[in-house]
Amino acid sequence: MEYRRFGDTLIVRIDKNEEITEQVRVVAEKENIKLASVEALGAVNDFTVGVFNTAEKKYYANHFEGAFEIVSLTGTISTKDGEFYLHLHMSAGDDKGCVFGGHLNRANVSATCEMVIRVIDGQVDRRFSDEVGLNLFHFGD
């Protein structure tokens, strides 16, 4: 992985055989990013995405292997209890144009992943919501 920072924007290249969420963590911690938006495209060959069942308050994971193009990867970097917190969603299409996606748990890059991280001047922490069953943005008491 390599990246360059231009003001509040980081241009990141995640390389073949690297895992996307791990590399985002490396960049965010190195650059001390507390709040940012993330977008990317590229190719993956092994990924797991989940869908949150709101009635059960539980995630269900789906694992995919093969040749996939990232159609969309978007999300946020924030904090929970002051520590790094990543929330990404990814959609990826196969050779027949079928697209699969959801909350990104992990994804291995098969060729490259081109990512843009836009740093936001501020910090928004997350707090677990019993009502929803997720870690939601928390803007103070």
C-alpha atoms as a PDB file:
ATOM      1  CA  MET A   1       0.000   0.000   0.000  1.00  0.00           C
ATOM      2  CA  GLU A   2       1.111   3.488  -0.799  1.00  0.00           C
ATOM      3  CA  TYR A   3      -0.574   6.837  -0.381  1.00  0.00           C
ATOM      4  CA  ARG A   4      -0.075  10.562  -0.711  1.00  0.00           C
ATOM      5  CA  ARG A   5      -1.787  13.342   1.185  1.00  0.00           C
ATOM      6  CA  PHE A   6      -2.973  16.489  -0.587  1.00  0.00           C
ATOM      7  CA  GLY A   7      -4.420  18.882   2.002  1.00  0.00           C
ATOM      8  CA  ASP A   8      -7.411  17.132   3.570  1.00  0.00           C
ATOM      9  CA  THR A   9      -7.468  14.349   0.939  1.00  0.00           C
ATOM     10  CA  LEU A  10      -5.488  11.111   0.828  1.00  0.00           C
ATOM     11  CA  ILE A  11      -5.094   9.145  -2.390  1.00  0.00           C
ATOM     12  CA  VAL A  12      -4.432   5.517  -1.469  1.00  0.00           C
ATOM     13  CA  ARG A  13      -3.358   2.527  -3.550  1.00  0.00           C
ATOM     14  CA  ILE A  14      -3.970  -0.801  -1.866  1.00  0.00           C
ATOM     15  CA  ASP A  15      -2.017  -3.529  -3.612  1.00  0.00           C
ATOM     16  CA  LYS A  16      -2.610  -7.111  -4.709  1.00  0.00           C
ATOM     17  CA  ASN A  17      -3.004  -9.579  -1.808  1.00  0.00           C
ATOM     18  CA  GLU A  18      -3.546  -6.809   0.761  1.00  0.00           C
ATOM     19  CA  GLU A  19      -6.711  -6.682   2.860  1.00  0.00           C
ATOM     20  CA  ILE A  20      -8.680  -3.438   2.500  1.00  0.00           C
ATOM     21  CA  THR A  21      -9.891  -2.825   6.063  1.00  0.00           C
ATOM     22  CA  GLU A  22      -6.435  -3.535   7.518  1.00  0.00           C
ATOM     23  CA  GLN A  23      -4.805  -1.044   5.159  1.00  0.00           C
ATOM     24  CA  VAL A  24      -7.386   1.668   5.919  1.00  0.00           C
ATOM     25  CA  ARG A  25      -6.606   1.211   9.610  1.00  0.00           C
ATOM     26  CA  VAL A  26      -2.860   1.581   8.920  1.00  0.00           C
ATOM     27  CA  VAL A  27      -3.387   4.854   7.037  1.00  0.00           C
ATOM     28  CA  ALA A  28      -5.887   6.258   9.552  1.00  0.00           C
ATOM     29  CA  GLU A  29      -3.642   5.529  12.521  1.00  0.00           C
ATOM     30  CA  LYS A  30      -0.514   6.816  10.796  1.00  0.00           C
ATOM     31  CA  GLU A  31      -2.294  10.044   9.783  1.00  0.00           C
ATOM     32  CA  ASN A  32      -4.215  10.333  13.092  1.00  0.00           C
ATOM     33  CA  ILE A  33      -7.553  10.477  11.255  1.00  0.00           C
ATOM     34  CA  LYS A  34     -10.526  10.793  13.622  1.00  0.00           C
ATOM     35  CA  LEU A  35     -13.238  11.567  11.051  1.00  0.00           C
ATOM     36  CA  ALA A  36     -13.294  11.022   7.284  1.00  0.00           C
ATOM     37  CA  SER A  37     -15.331   9.829   4.335  1.00  0.00           C
ATOM     38  CA  VAL A  38     -14.039   6.956   2.214  1.00  0.00           C
ATOM     39  CA  GLU A  39     -14.698   5.925  -1.385  1.00  0.00           C
ATOM     40  CA  ALA A  40     -12.951   3.387  -3.595  1.00  0.00           C
ATOM     41  CA  LEU A  41     -12.975   1.092  -6.601  1.00  0.00           C
ATOM     42  CA  GLY A  42     -10.804  -1.792  -7.721  1.00  0.00           C
ATOM     43  CA  ALA A  43     -10.804  -5.575  -7.878  1.00  0.00           C
ATOM     44  CA  VAL A  44     -11.111  -8.263  -5.201  1.00  0.00           C
ATOM     45  CA  ASN A  45     -11.058 -12.059  -5.218  1.00  0.00           C
ATOM     46  CA  ASP A  46     -12.152 -12.914  -1.688  1.00  0.00           C
ATOM     47  CA  PHE A  47     -14.541 -10.807   0.392  1.00  0.00           C
ATOM     48  CA  THR A  48     -17.085 -11.009   3.172  1.00  0.00           C
ATOM     49  CA  VAL A  49     -19.990  -8.600   3.485  1.00  0.00           C
ATOM     50  CA  GLY A  50     -22.851  -8.632   5.934  1.00  0.00           C
ATOM     51  CA  VAL A  51     -26.467  -7.623   6.141  1.00  0.00           C
ATOM     52  CA  PHE A  52     -27.931  -6.394   9.432  1.00  0.00           C
ATOM     53  CA  ASN A  53     -31.297  -7.886  10.303  1.00  0.00           C
ATOM     54  CA  THR A  54     -32.983  -5.040  12.186  1.00  0.00           C
ATOM     55  CA  ALA A  55     -35.653  -7.247  13.769  1.00  0.00           C
ATOM     56  CA  GLU A  56     -33.068  -9.650  15.208  1.00  0.00           C
ATOM     57  CA  LYS A  57     -30.363  -6.978  15.732  1.00  0.00           C
ATOM     58  CA  LYS A  58     -27.874  -9.367  14.184  1.00  0.00           C
ATOM     59  CA  TYR A  59     -25.493  -9.413  11.204  1.00  0.00           C
ATOM     60  CA  TYR A  60     -25.519 -12.220   8.667  1.00  0.00           C
ATOM     61  CA  ALA A  61     -22.306 -12.610   6.666  1.00  0.00           C
ATOM     62  CA  ASN A  62     -21.925 -13.668   3.040  1.00  0.00           C
ATOM     63  CA  HIS A  63     -18.541 -14.801   1.729  1.00  0.00           C
ATOM     64  CA  PHE A  64     -17.560 -14.643  -1.950  1.00  0.00           C
ATOM     65  CA  GLU A  65     -14.537 -15.937  -3.869  1.00  0.00           C
ATOM     66  CA  GLY A  66     -13.669 -15.399  -7.525  1.00  0.00           C
ATOM     67  CA  ALA A  67     -13.065 -12.468  -9.854  1.00  0.00           C
ATOM     68  CA  PHE A  68     -14.986  -9.364  -8.755  1.00  0.00           C
ATOM     69  CA  GLU A  69     -14.829  -5.678  -9.624  1.00  0.00           C
ATOM     70  CA  ILE A  70     -15.612  -3.233  -6.831  1.00  0.00           C
ATOM     71  CA  VAL A  71     -18.639  -1.360  -8.141  1.00  0.00           C
ATOM     72  CA  SER A  72     -18.824   0.837  -5.061  1.00  0.00           C
ATOM     73  CA  LEU A  73     -17.007   1.086  -1.765  1.00  0.00           C
ATOM     74  CA  THR A  74     -18.085   3.876   0.542  1.00  0.00           C
ATOM     75  CA  GLY A  75     -18.170   4.685   4.213  1.00  0.00           C
ATOM     76  CA  THR A  76     -16.720   6.536   7.157  1.00  0.00           C
ATOM     77  CA  ILE A  77     -13.820   6.572   9.541  1.00  0.00           C
ATOM     78  CA  SER A  78     -14.771   7.744  13.010  1.00  0.00           C
ATOM     79  CA  THR A  79     -14.069   6.756  16.618  1.00  0.00           C
ATOM     80  CA  LYS A  80     -15.690   4.658  19.330  1.00  0.00           C
ATOM     81  CA  ASP A  81     -14.482   5.383  22.834  1.00  0.00           C
ATOM     82  CA  GLY A  82     -11.832   7.548  21.176  1.00  0.00           C
ATOM     83  CA  GLU A  83     -10.402   4.637  19.160  1.00  0.00           C
ATOM     84  CA  PHE A  84     -10.369   3.995  15.395  1.00  0.00           C
ATOM     85  CA  TYR A  85     -13.740   2.831  14.036  1.00  0.00           C
ATOM     86  CA  LEU A  86     -14.341   1.886  10.402  1.00  0.00           C
ATOM     87  CA  HIS A  87     -17.762   1.588   8.764  1.00  0.00           C
ATOM     88  CA  LEU A  88     -17.615   0.580   5.094  1.00  0.00           C
ATOM     89  CA  HIS A  89     -20.103  -0.864   2.627  1.00  0.00           C
ATOM     90  CA  MET A  90     -19.009  -2.531  -0.603  1.00  0.00           C
ATOM     91  CA  SER A  91     -20.703  -3.801  -3.740  1.00  0.00           C
ATOM     92  CA  ALA A  92     -18.778  -6.008  -6.161  1.00  0.00           C
ATOM     93  CA  GLY A  93     -19.786  -7.471  -9.518  1.00  0.00           C
ATOM     94  CA  ASP A  94     -18.831 -10.782 -11.080  1.00  0.00           C
ATOM     95  CA  ASP A  95     -18.138 -11.680 -14.729  1.00  0.00           C
ATOM     96  CA  LYS A  96     -21.872 -11.987 -15.438  1.00  0.00           C
ATOM     97  CA  GLY A  97     -22.706  -8.581 -14.006  1.00  0.00           C
ATOM     98  CA  CYS A  98     -24.263  -9.938 -10.824  1.00  0.00           C
ATOM     99  CA  VAL A  99     -23.571  -7.597  -7.919  1.00  0.00           C
ATOM    100  CA  PHE A 100     -23.248  -8.612  -4.277  1.00  0.00           C
ATOM    101  CA  GLY A 101     -22.735  -6.301  -1.359  1.00  0.00           C
ATOM    102  CA  GLY A 102     -23.323  -5.153   2.159  1.00  0.00           C
ATOM    103  CA  HIS A 103     -21.389  -4.096   5.237  1.00  0.00           C
ATOM    104  CA  LEU A 104     -17.718  -4.815   4.513  1.00  0.00           C
ATOM    105  CA  ASN A 105     -16.089  -7.215   6.954  1.00  0.00           C
ATOM    106  CA  ARG A 106     -13.000  -7.929   4.877  1.00  0.00           C
ATOM    107  CA  ALA A 107     -11.805  -7.954   1.272  1.00  0.00           C
ATOM    108  CA  ASN A 108      -8.596  -9.161  -0.373  1.00  0.00           C
ATOM    109  CA  VAL A 109      -7.382  -7.147  -3.333  1.00  0.00           C
ATOM    110  CA  SER A 110      -6.752  -9.140  -6.512  1.00  0.00           C
ATOM    111  CA  ALA A 111      -5.274  -6.356  -8.656  1.00  0.00           C
ATOM    112  CA  THR A 112      -5.535  -2.914  -7.036  1.00  0.00           C
ATOM    113  CA  CYS A 113      -7.845  -0.774  -4.964  1.00  0.00           C
ATOM    114  CA  GLU A 114      -7.863   2.967  -5.606  1.00  0.00           C
ATOM    115  CA  MET A 115      -9.182   4.831  -2.591  1.00  0.00           C
ATOM    116  CA  VAL A 116      -9.892   8.448  -1.717  1.00  0.00           C
ATOM    117  CA  ILE A 117     -10.081   9.388   1.970  1.00  0.00           C
ATOM    118  CA  ARG A 118     -11.389  12.884   2.697  1.00  0.00           C
ATOM    119  CA  VAL A 119     -10.453  13.990   6.208  1.00  0.00           C
ATOM    120  CA  ILE A 120     -13.063  16.037   8.052  1.00  0.00           C
ATOM    121  CA  ASP A 121     -11.842  18.557  10.635  1.00  0.00           C
ATOM    122  CA  GLY A 122     -13.504  17.238  13.777  1.00  0.00           C
ATOM    123  CA  GLN A 123     -14.356  14.098  15.676  1.00  0.00           C
ATOM    124  CA  VAL A 124     -17.611  12.192  16.068  1.00  0.00           C
ATOM    125  CA  ASP A 125     -17.582   9.275  18.458  1.00  0.00           C
ATOM    126  CA  ARG A 126     -19.937   6.297  18.321  1.00  0.00           C
ATOM    127  CA  ARG A 127     -22.082   4.839  21.036  1.00  0.00           C
ATOM    128  CA  PHE A 128     -23.970   1.546  21.092  1.00  0.00           C
ATOM    129  CA  SER A 129     -27.737   1.941  20.723  1.00  0.00           C
ATOM    130  CA  ASP A 130     -29.735  -0.749  22.528  1.00  0.00           C
ATOM    131  CA  GLU A 131     -32.795   0.289  20.532  1.00  0.00           C
ATOM    132  CA  VAL A 132     -31.149  -0.212  17.135  1.00  0.00           C
ATOM    133  CA  GLY A 133     -28.443  -2.713  18.046  1.00  0.00           C
ATOM    134  CA  LEU A 134     -25.627  -0.806  16.330  1.00  0.00           C
ATOM    135  CA  ASN A 135     -22.844   1.670  17.131  1.00  0.00           C
ATOM    136  CA  LEU A 136     -24.349   4.993  16.019  1.00  0.00           C
ATOM    137  CA  PHE A 137     -22.841   8.460  15.654  1.00  0.00           C
ATOM    138  CA  HIS A 138     -23.065  10.229  19.003  1.00  0.00           C
ATOM    139  CA  PHE A 139     -22.896  14.019  19.039  1.00  0.00           C
ATOM    140  CA  GLY A 140     -22.584  14.560  22.796  1.00  0.00           C
ATOM    141  CA  ASP A 141     -24.942  14.564  25.756  1.00  0.00           C
END
